[in-house]
Every structure is written in structure tokens, then in C-alpha cells.
Amino acid sequence: MAPAGGFRLATIAGIDVAIDWSLLIIFTLITLMLATGVFPAWHPGWSALLCWGTALAAAVLFFASVLVHELSHALVGRAHGVTIRRITLFVFGGMAQMEGEPDSWRAELAMTVVGPLTSLVLGALFLWLGGLVAGPIPVTPDQPGKMFAALNPVATLFMWLGPVNIILGLFNLVPGYPLDGGRVLRATIWAITGDLNVATRWASRAGQLFAWLLIGTGLAMILGVRMPVFGGGALNGLWLAFIGWFLNNAAVMSYQQLALSTALKGVPVFRIMQTRLTHIDPGLPVAEVIDRHVMESGQRVFPVEDNGRFIGLVSLSDLQKVPASVRDRTTVSDCMTPLPRLVTVTPGTDSITALSYLGNADLNQLPVVDNGRCVGLVRREDILKWLSLHMPAGTDLRV
């Protein structure tokens, strides 16, 4: 779901925390909204510097709250045997990226519910801290502006973070997959039917329905209709429609990913890999490899073997990097990718595991190694071919 890119921020409890560049969009919008709208309205006497400083701190703490929300998913999931190596914070919040699915509906329910509960607890905690820091404030329900104006910067920060985290927790409980509420719905259907595929399909449809409701509401707001809860305004409507579009894509892709996993689970790599390969010697000149092997065979990647021992791969792109003027005196060993830098699998490796390796490392093929020899290559196109023959017609295949 989360877009690729960005950078790794830290490692917490063995889980990599990454920030996608798209996070800067919402981070900037939140800071701008608070610094130029909310906080000046609450505190007309504050300087611009104080408004911007408090807004920046609020945006940082908001995404720290999102991180805590995702960490709660990850830690509870790990306790139930689900491998989660990475959390990515991006434009729509965060995502704990699972390797595989929970093995039972109870595990799914436990790791899902803890996220919204964490946000609700954080919201209550921030409100309590805000009241504690603010001290006694005269309650004037008819003039709420006076109440907000009496808050100091730290109390203002907590009083904004409290309701925002509560809203985040409640929004995630909406029963639309892949939101937490949609996962709760999936766990419930899974418990009733005993079938994860059926549960995912229905939860995904609920997610798509909710997404289209958001899109429709957003379009109505763009056309000038004022909607209950959401209000009006073209900008707010555009943002709501964008969120709906994102959730719809996420719901569809989540079901597709499960369908891919189901089709590939239990299928060993040796049933899919390419075995008709030309192996080349590390001492061959690049010019000879191009003339004798690349042009004749059409093969784009060549296993390199030294006395029958696999030592690396050389690809067409590796060969292209060698200037034409020195190709006759540059050998394969000078430009190949050596074995220690390669991601490899064995013939018995599950194909879904191979697919995850291809995706995580952004590779097009993996060498299949057995007893020190490269016995084949498993490529994205090989997996696509297998899926096209073993999945229902019309299934959107994205690997």
C-alpha cells in the first residue's frame, strides 16, 4: 500500500521504521493549517514564531502517535507469529508491512484491535496531560475562545493531539478493508466461514463501498453541496475524494495480494524456474560474451561459474556499462555481480517467498542455487506465466 521510496529513520524493537517522501505533503499541510489557522484563532495574542513552533511540534508528535499505533500492530502481530520487519510512514499515515497473513482469525483480531485502542488511549492521555499542564481554567461554554486562549503552548499542543488521536482511532474502526475496522470485519467473517479468502473478498468489497462513499461525498462537496459531518468546500471535497480513491485501490490490491499468495503458496521454485541457461567462465572477455552468447542466445542474465562453482551473475546491463573500446580486454569477473552481493534461493524455496524477495530488493530474477551450482533462474515473467495459467481468467496480475 505504501509507496516505495524515502529513507529509513530508525530501528525499534528490531523493526525498521521508514519515512516515505510523500509524508512531507501531509506534514506540511498539518503544520500550515495549525500555524496559520487553528492556533492563531485559539491564541490571537501569540506571535507568528510561537504559532509556527507549536504547529511544527504538533505535526511531529502526531506522526509519532501514528508510529506508536503501527508499532502496537507490529508487536502484537509478532507475538502471534506474524513477521513484520518494516513500518512505513507516508502521506496517509502509516503501515506495518506483514510478511504473510496471520494463521488464525484470533491472531488477526488481536493484532488489529490493538491499533485503534492505542490511538484512543493516546487521545485520552494527551487530554489528561493537557488538563494537568493547563491547571485551573474558568469554564465558559458560551465563549470557548476564552478557554482556548487561556492555554499555554504545551497545553495547547496536548489539547489538539488528544481529539486528533481519538478521531484517528475511531476512523480506523470503520469496517472497510484495509482499515483496522475492515480487518476486524475480515476476522469476524473468517471466524464464521473458516475461509480466509472468502473473508478477505467480502471485507475488500466493504472497503471499496466505503471508499466510493467517500469519493461520492467528496465530489458532491466539490460541486458546492454541504455534507453532514464533513461540511463543504471544494478543497475539502477534493481531499476526501483523494482519500476514497486511495482506499479503493488499497482494498483491491490487498485482495489481489492474497490471491497471489494463495496461488503461489506451496509451489516450489523448481516448478517455475528457467533451467536452459548458458553458464560462462569468469575469464571470458566481455566482447566475446556479447558476440557469442548475448547475440546468439538472447539470454539477458548469465550465471558465472569457476570450475563448476557458481560465483556470480553478469547481466546485459553489466556488460553495457563496459566501454566498447575496452571490452576485448575486460573480463566477466571485472563487471559481474559476485555471489555475496546476490539474493539467492534454493529449488525447494516457496515461490511466494521468492516473489517477496524480488519485490523487496526490486529485482527481476533470482539465481536458484543447489550444492554450490546455479541450477536455474526464477524471474518475474516466470511467476506471471504460472499465475496466468493457475488463476481465474480476468484476474489483475501485478507482481
Protein backbone atom coordinates (compact mmCIF):
# COMPACT_ATOMS: atom_id res chain seq x y z
CA MET A 1 0.00 0.00 0.00
CA ALA A 2 2.68 2.43 0.97
CA PRO A 3 4.54 3.86 -1.90
CA ALA A 4 8.15 3.00 -2.46
CA GLY A 5 10.96 5.41 -1.76
CA GLY A 6 12.00 7.52 1.20
CA PHE A 7 14.57 6.60 3.80
CA ARG A 8 15.00 4.53 6.94
CA LEU A 9 14.56 6.59 10.10
CA ALA A 10 15.41 4.10 12.85
CA THR A 11 15.08 0.53 14.07
CA ILE A 12 12.74 -0.02 17.01
CA ALA A 13 12.43 -3.44 18.64
CA GLY A 14 14.03 -4.98 15.56
CA ILE A 15 11.55 -3.29 13.19
CA ASP A 16 12.80 -0.84 10.56
CA VAL A 17 10.91 2.45 10.59
CA ALA A 18 10.92 4.19 7.19
CA ILE A 19 9.61 7.58 6.10
CA ASP A 20 8.29 7.93 2.58
CA TRP A 21 8.82 11.26 0.82
CA SER A 22 5.05 11.61 0.42
CA LEU A 23 4.87 12.18 4.18
CA LEU A 24 6.20 15.68 3.56
CA ILE A 25 2.91 16.56 1.85
CA ILE A 26 0.65 15.92 4.84
CA PHE A 27 3.32 17.08 7.31
CA THR A 28 3.45 20.43 5.50
CA LEU A 29 -0.35 20.69 5.29
CA ILE A 30 -0.82 19.98 9.01
CA THR A 31 1.86 22.47 10.02
CA LEU A 32 0.45 25.12 7.68
CA MET A 33 -3.14 24.57 8.85
CA LEU A 34 -2.19 24.84 12.53
CA ALA A 35 0.27 27.73 12.17
CA THR A 36 -1.95 29.94 10.02
CA GLY A 37 -5.45 28.88 11.07
CA VAL A 38 -6.09 26.90 14.22
CA PHE A 39 -3.53 28.27 16.67
CA PRO A 40 -3.92 31.97 15.69
CA ALA A 41 -7.70 31.52 16.14
CA TRP A 42 -7.18 29.97 19.58
CA HIS A 43 -4.50 32.46 20.61
CA PRO A 44 -4.86 35.84 18.89
CA GLY A 45 -2.07 37.20 21.07
CA TRP A 46 0.54 34.64 20.06
CA SER A 47 3.43 35.68 17.84
CA ALA A 48 3.87 34.07 14.44
CA LEU A 49 7.05 32.36 15.69
CA LEU A 50 5.20 30.76 18.60
CA CYS A 51 2.35 29.61 16.33
CA TRP A 52 4.77 28.03 13.85
CA GLY A 53 6.90 26.42 16.57
CA THR A 54 3.87 24.86 18.29
CA ALA A 55 2.46 23.75 14.92
CA LEU A 56 5.72 22.06 13.98
CA ALA A 57 5.86 20.24 17.33
CA ALA A 58 2.22 19.16 16.89
CA ALA A 59 2.91 17.70 13.42
CA VAL A 60 5.95 15.77 14.71
CA LEU A 61 4.01 14.40 17.71
CA PHE A 62 1.06 13.47 15.51
CA PHE A 63 3.22 11.24 13.34
CA ALA A 64 4.93 9.89 16.45
CA SER A 65 1.42 8.88 17.57
CA VAL A 66 0.82 7.18 14.21
CA LEU A 67 4.11 5.34 14.67
CA VAL A 68 3.06 4.13 18.13
CA HIS A 69 -0.26 2.97 16.59
CA GLU A 70 1.61 0.92 13.95
CA LEU A 71 4.15 -0.40 16.46
CA SER A 72 1.30 -1.77 18.55
CA HIS A 73 0.10 -3.72 15.48
CA ALA A 74 3.62 -4.98 14.81
CA LEU A 75 4.43 -6.09 18.36
CA VAL A 76 1.13 -7.89 18.91
CA GLY A 77 1.42 -9.45 15.45
CA ARG A 78 4.93 -10.66 16.27
CA ALA A 79 3.60 -12.23 19.49
CA HIS A 80 1.17 -14.21 17.29
CA GLY A 81 3.85 -15.38 14.86
CA VAL A 82 3.41 -12.75 12.12
CA THR A 83 6.71 -11.43 10.76
CA ILE A 84 6.77 -7.63 10.48
CA ARG A 85 10.16 -6.19 9.59
CA ARG A 86 9.20 -2.70 8.45
CA ILE A 87 6.84 0.17 9.25
CA THR A 88 6.45 2.94 6.68
CA LEU A 89 5.06 6.38 7.47
CA PHE A 90 3.62 8.05 4.37
CA VAL A 91 1.03 10.57 3.19
CA PHE A 92 -1.99 8.73 4.66
CA GLY A 93 -0.40 7.80 7.99
CA GLY A 94 1.45 4.53 8.44
CA MET A 95 1.54 0.84 7.58
CA ALA A 96 3.10 -2.17 9.26
CA GLN A 97 4.19 -4.36 6.35
CA MET A 98 3.49 -8.03 7.10
CA GLU A 99 5.25 -10.99 5.52
CA GLY A 100 2.33 -13.33 5.07
CA GLU A 101 -1.06 -13.44 6.77
CA PRO A 102 -1.99 -14.28 10.39
CA ASP A 103 -2.53 -18.00 10.85
CA SER A 104 -5.92 -17.61 12.58
CA TRP A 105 -8.78 -15.16 12.92
CA ARG A 106 -7.92 -14.75 16.62
CA ALA A 107 -4.42 -13.54 15.74
CA GLU A 108 -5.89 -11.19 13.11
CA LEU A 109 -8.37 -9.78 15.61
CA ALA A 110 -5.79 -9.30 18.36
CA MET A 111 -3.22 -7.51 16.22
CA THR A 112 -5.90 -5.35 14.57
CA VAL A 113 -7.89 -4.16 17.56
CA VAL A 114 -4.80 -3.04 19.45
CA GLY A 115 -4.13 -0.22 16.93
CA PRO A 116 -7.37 1.79 17.38
CA LEU A 117 -7.27 1.08 21.13
CA THR A 118 -3.75 2.52 21.25
CA SER A 119 -4.90 5.69 19.47
CA LEU A 120 -7.87 6.07 21.81
CA VAL A 121 -5.64 5.62 24.87
CA LEU A 122 -3.15 8.14 23.47
CA GLY A 123 -6.01 10.59 22.89
CA ALA A 124 -7.23 10.26 26.47
CA LEU A 125 -3.66 10.54 27.76
CA PHE A 126 -2.99 13.74 25.81
CA LEU A 127 -6.24 15.31 27.06
CA TRP A 128 -5.35 14.39 30.64
CA LEU A 129 -1.84 15.83 30.23
CA GLY A 130 -3.30 18.97 28.65
CA GLY A 131 -5.61 19.49 31.63
CA LEU A 132 -2.75 18.79 34.03
CA VAL A 133 -0.40 21.30 32.37
CA ALA A 134 -3.11 23.94 31.90
CA GLY A 135 -4.16 23.95 35.53
CA PRO A 136 -7.44 25.54 36.63
CA ILE A 137 -9.17 27.30 33.71
CA PRO A 138 -12.55 29.07 34.00
CA VAL A 139 -15.15 27.05 32.11
CA THR A 140 -17.16 29.30 29.78
CA PRO A 141 -19.18 27.10 27.38
CA ASP A 142 -20.77 30.15 25.78
CA GLN A 143 -17.32 31.59 24.96
CA PRO A 144 -14.97 28.67 24.12
CA GLY A 145 -12.45 31.09 22.65
CA LYS A 146 -11.59 32.35 26.12
CA MET A 147 -10.93 28.79 27.29
CA PHE A 148 -8.52 28.11 24.43
CA ALA A 149 -6.81 31.49 24.85
CA ALA A 150 -6.01 30.62 28.46
CA LEU A 151 -3.99 27.55 27.45
CA ASN A 152 -0.21 27.75 27.43
CA PRO A 153 1.70 26.34 24.40
CA VAL A 154 2.28 22.88 25.92
CA ALA A 155 -1.35 22.55 27.00
CA THR A 156 -2.46 23.73 23.55
CA LEU A 157 -0.30 21.05 21.98
CA PHE A 158 -1.82 18.30 24.13
CA MET A 159 -5.38 19.59 23.70
CA TRP A 160 -5.01 19.37 19.91
CA LEU A 161 -3.32 15.97 19.92
CA GLY A 162 -5.96 14.42 22.20
CA PRO A 163 -9.03 14.78 19.94
CA VAL A 164 -6.96 14.07 16.80
CA ASN A 165 -5.82 10.70 18.16
CA ILE A 166 -9.37 9.84 19.24
CA ILE A 167 -10.64 10.69 15.74
CA LEU A 168 -7.82 8.58 14.25
CA GLY A 169 -8.81 5.62 16.43
CA LEU A 170 -12.50 5.92 15.57
CA PHE A 171 -11.86 6.41 11.84
CA ASN A 172 -9.75 3.24 11.76
CA LEU A 173 -12.71 1.31 13.20
CA VAL A 174 -14.78 1.96 10.05
CA PRO A 175 -15.47 -1.56 8.66
CA GLY A 176 -13.72 -1.02 5.33
CA TYR A 177 -10.70 -3.14 4.45
CA PRO A 178 -7.75 -2.46 4.73
CA LEU A 179 -8.60 -0.08 7.60
CA ASP A 180 -8.40 -1.70 11.04
CA GLY A 181 -12.20 -1.93 11.17
CA GLY A 182 -12.13 -3.78 7.86
CA ARG A 183 -9.62 -6.23 9.31
CA VAL A 184 -11.90 -6.74 12.30
CA LEU A 185 -14.70 -7.46 9.81
CA ARG A 186 -12.42 -9.90 7.98
CA ALA A 187 -11.54 -11.67 11.25
CA THR A 188 -15.26 -11.94 12.07
CA ILE A 189 -16.18 -13.40 8.66
CA TRP A 190 -13.14 -15.67 8.86
CA ALA A 191 -14.34 -16.96 12.25
CA ILE A 192 -17.83 -17.64 10.83
CA THR A 193 -16.84 -19.18 7.49
CA GLY A 194 -13.44 -20.64 8.30
CA ASP A 195 -12.22 -19.36 4.91
CA LEU A 196 -9.65 -16.53 4.76
CA ASN A 197 -10.18 -15.98 1.02
CA VAL A 198 -13.93 -15.53 1.42
CA ALA A 199 -13.40 -13.24 4.41
CA THR A 200 -10.87 -11.12 2.53
CA ARG A 201 -13.11 -10.86 -0.55
CA TRP A 202 -16.10 -9.59 1.46
CA ALA A 203 -14.00 -7.27 3.63
CA SER A 204 -12.39 -5.89 0.48
CA ARG A 205 -15.82 -5.21 -1.03
CA ALA A 206 -16.86 -3.40 2.14
CA GLY A 207 -13.68 -1.33 1.85
CA GLN A 208 -14.48 -0.47 -1.75
CA LEU A 209 -18.04 0.52 -0.81
CA PHE A 210 -16.77 2.84 1.91
CA ALA A 211 -14.17 4.26 -0.48
CA TRP A 212 -16.80 5.04 -3.12
CA LEU A 213 -18.96 6.71 -0.47
CA LEU A 214 -16.01 8.97 0.34
CA ILE A 215 -15.43 9.68 -3.36
CA GLY A 216 -19.11 10.48 -3.91
CA THR A 217 -19.21 12.71 -0.84
CA GLY A 218 -16.06 14.49 -1.95
CA LEU A 219 -17.43 15.10 -5.47
CA ALA A 220 -20.67 16.48 -4.00
CA MET A 221 -18.66 18.89 -1.84
CA ILE A 222 -16.66 19.99 -4.88
CA LEU A 223 -19.98 20.80 -6.62
CA GLY A 224 -21.00 23.00 -3.68
CA VAL A 225 -23.11 20.61 -1.59
CA ARG A 226 -22.61 20.93 2.16
CA MET A 227 -22.44 17.47 3.71
CA PRO A 228 -23.18 16.43 7.32
CA VAL A 229 -20.02 15.88 9.40
CA PHE A 230 -17.68 16.78 6.51
CA GLY A 231 -19.07 20.25 5.82
CA GLY A 232 -18.37 21.83 2.44
CA GLY A 233 -15.71 23.38 0.26
CA ALA A 234 -14.03 22.28 -2.95
CA LEU A 235 -10.62 21.76 -1.31
CA ASN A 236 -12.05 19.57 1.47
CA GLY A 237 -14.07 17.64 -1.11
CA LEU A 238 -11.02 17.07 -3.31
CA TRP A 239 -9.04 15.78 -0.34
CA LEU A 240 -11.90 13.45 0.71
CA ALA A 241 -12.25 12.08 -2.83
CA PHE A 242 -8.49 11.51 -2.96
CA ILE A 243 -8.62 9.53 0.30
CA GLY A 244 -11.50 7.48 -1.11
CA TRP A 245 -9.56 6.77 -4.30
CA PHE A 246 -6.55 5.64 -2.26
CA LEU A 247 -8.64 3.37 -0.01
CA ASN A 248 -10.38 1.81 -3.04
CA ASN A 249 -7.04 0.96 -4.63
CA ALA A 250 -5.73 -0.37 -1.32
CA ALA A 251 -8.79 -2.62 -0.86
CA VAL A 252 -8.47 -4.04 -4.38
CA MET A 253 -4.73 -4.58 -4.12
CA SER A 254 -4.99 -6.23 -0.70
CA TYR A 255 -7.34 -8.88 -2.09
CA GLN A 256 -5.16 -9.34 -5.17
CA GLN A 257 -2.10 -9.87 -2.99
CA LEU A 258 -3.88 -12.58 -1.02
CA ALA A 259 -4.98 -14.23 -4.27
CA LEU A 260 -1.36 -14.19 -5.47
CA SER A 261 -0.14 -15.66 -2.17
CA THR A 262 -2.75 -18.41 -2.31
CA ALA A 263 -1.87 -19.32 -5.90
CA LEU A 264 1.88 -19.46 -5.18
CA LYS A 265 1.88 -20.93 -1.69
CA GLY A 266 3.30 -24.43 -1.65
CA VAL A 267 4.67 -24.12 -5.20
CA PRO A 268 8.45 -24.72 -5.05
CA VAL A 269 10.73 -22.62 -7.20
CA PHE A 270 11.94 -25.61 -9.22
CA ARG A 271 8.46 -25.86 -10.82
CA ILE A 272 8.71 -22.32 -12.18
CA MET A 273 12.41 -21.56 -12.76
CA GLN A 274 14.22 -21.41 -16.08
CA THR A 275 16.83 -24.18 -16.41
CA ARG A 276 18.05 -23.80 -20.01
CA LEU A 277 20.86 -21.40 -19.23
CA THR A 278 24.27 -20.73 -20.70
CA HIS A 279 26.91 -20.64 -17.95
CA ILE A 280 30.03 -18.62 -18.69
CA ASP A 281 33.59 -18.55 -17.44
CA PRO A 282 34.78 -15.53 -15.38
CA GLY A 283 37.85 -15.16 -17.61
CA LEU A 284 35.93 -14.61 -20.86
CA PRO A 285 36.36 -11.15 -22.43
CA VAL A 286 33.20 -9.05 -22.45
CA ALA A 287 33.39 -8.68 -26.24
CA GLU A 288 33.31 -12.47 -26.65
CA VAL A 289 30.33 -12.83 -24.29
CA ILE A 290 28.39 -10.27 -26.33
CA ASP A 291 29.26 -11.79 -29.71
CA ARG A 292 28.99 -15.49 -28.85
CA HIS A 293 26.34 -15.61 -26.14
CA VAL A 294 24.21 -12.49 -25.91
CA MET A 295 23.58 -12.13 -29.63
CA GLU A 296 23.15 -15.87 -30.27
CA SER A 297 21.06 -16.93 -27.27
CA GLY A 298 19.06 -13.83 -26.44
CA GLN A 299 19.77 -14.57 -22.77
CA ARG A 300 19.96 -11.40 -20.68
CA VAL A 301 21.49 -12.80 -17.48
CA PHE A 302 24.32 -15.34 -17.29
CA PRO A 303 25.43 -17.40 -14.30
CA VAL A 304 29.21 -17.23 -13.92
CA GLU A 305 30.90 -20.46 -12.86
CA ASP A 306 34.53 -21.19 -12.00
CA ASN A 307 35.29 -24.92 -12.30
CA GLY A 308 31.63 -25.78 -11.75
CA ARG A 309 31.25 -23.46 -8.75
CA PHE A 310 28.73 -20.62 -9.00
CA ILE A 311 30.47 -17.32 -8.23
CA GLY A 312 28.18 -14.60 -9.58
CA LEU A 313 25.87 -13.22 -12.26
CA VAL A 314 26.56 -10.95 -15.19
CA SER A 315 23.65 -9.20 -16.87
CA LEU A 316 23.21 -7.34 -20.11
CA SER A 317 23.20 -4.05 -18.18
CA ASP A 318 26.55 -5.01 -16.56
CA LEU A 319 28.03 -5.64 -19.99
CA GLN A 320 26.64 -2.39 -21.40
CA LYS A 321 28.47 -0.41 -18.71
CA VAL A 322 31.83 -1.54 -20.10
CA PRO A 323 33.02 0.95 -22.76
CA ALA A 324 33.17 -0.59 -26.22
CA SER A 325 36.84 0.37 -26.56
CA VAL A 326 37.94 -1.89 -23.68
CA ARG A 327 35.52 -4.81 -24.00
CA ASP A 328 38.12 -7.06 -25.62
CA ARG A 329 40.42 -6.76 -22.59
CA THR A 330 37.81 -6.58 -19.82
CA THR A 331 36.77 -9.95 -18.42
CA VAL A 332 33.45 -11.10 -16.99
CA SER A 333 34.92 -11.20 -13.48
CA ASP A 334 35.63 -7.45 -13.76
CA CYS A 335 31.98 -6.49 -14.26
CA MET A 336 29.86 -9.30 -12.77
CA THR A 337 27.88 -9.13 -9.52
CA PRO A 338 29.66 -11.52 -7.13
CA LEU A 339 27.75 -14.18 -5.18
CA PRO A 340 27.97 -12.43 -1.75
CA ARG A 341 26.00 -9.49 -3.18
CA LEU A 342 23.25 -11.63 -4.68
CA VAL A 343 19.91 -12.70 -3.23
CA THR A 344 19.60 -16.44 -3.89
CA VAL A 345 17.02 -19.17 -3.33
CA THR A 346 17.09 -22.96 -3.37
CA PRO A 347 15.00 -25.23 -5.61
CA GLY A 348 12.67 -26.01 -2.71
CA THR A 349 12.02 -22.37 -1.77
CA ASP A 350 8.33 -21.42 -1.80
CA SER A 351 7.52 -19.30 -4.86
CA ILE A 352 5.68 -16.74 -2.73
CA THR A 353 8.92 -16.29 -0.75
CA ALA A 354 10.84 -15.81 -4.00
CA LEU A 355 8.27 -13.23 -5.08
CA SER A 356 8.72 -11.31 -1.83
CA TYR A 357 12.50 -11.31 -2.37
CA LEU A 358 12.03 -9.96 -5.88
CA GLY A 359 9.74 -7.21 -4.62
CA ASN A 360 11.74 -6.22 -1.54
CA ALA A 361 15.03 -5.96 -3.44
CA ASP A 362 13.43 -4.64 -6.67
CA LEU A 363 14.95 -7.44 -8.74
CA ASN A 364 13.84 -9.08 -11.98
CA GLN A 365 15.36 -12.51 -11.34
CA LEU A 366 16.91 -14.65 -8.61
CA PRO A 367 19.55 -17.36 -9.06
CA VAL A 368 18.47 -20.78 -7.81
CA VAL A 369 21.46 -22.40 -6.12
CA ASP A 370 21.86 -26.05 -5.15
CA ASN A 371 25.10 -27.52 -3.75
CA GLY A 372 27.16 -24.57 -4.96
CA ARG A 373 25.79 -24.60 -8.52
CA CYS A 374 23.29 -22.30 -10.20
CA VAL A 375 20.63 -24.71 -11.41
CA GLY A 376 18.23 -22.07 -12.70
CA LEU A 377 16.82 -18.56 -12.60
CA VAL A 378 13.37 -17.61 -11.33
CA ARG A 379 12.11 -14.42 -12.98
CA ARG A 380 9.12 -12.15 -12.56
CA GLU A 381 7.91 -13.20 -16.01
CA ASP A 382 8.06 -16.87 -14.97
CA ILE A 383 5.86 -16.16 -11.96
CA LEU A 384 3.43 -14.18 -14.12
CA LYS A 385 3.24 -17.06 -16.58
CA TRP A 386 2.47 -19.51 -13.76
CA LEU A 387 -0.20 -17.23 -12.31
CA SER A 388 -1.84 -16.67 -15.70
CA LEU A 389 -2.28 -20.43 -16.00
CA HIS A 390 -3.45 -21.09 -12.43
CA MET A 391 -5.64 -18.12 -11.51
CA PRO A 392 -9.18 -17.31 -12.72
CA ALA A 393 -9.35 -15.53 -16.08
CA GLY A 394 -9.55 -11.76 -15.76
CA THR A 395 -7.56 -11.56 -12.53
CA ASP A 396 -5.38 -8.45 -12.46
CA LEU A 397 -1.81 -9.75 -12.04
CA ARG A 398 0.68 -7.33 -10.54
CA VAL A 399 3.95 -8.77 -9.28
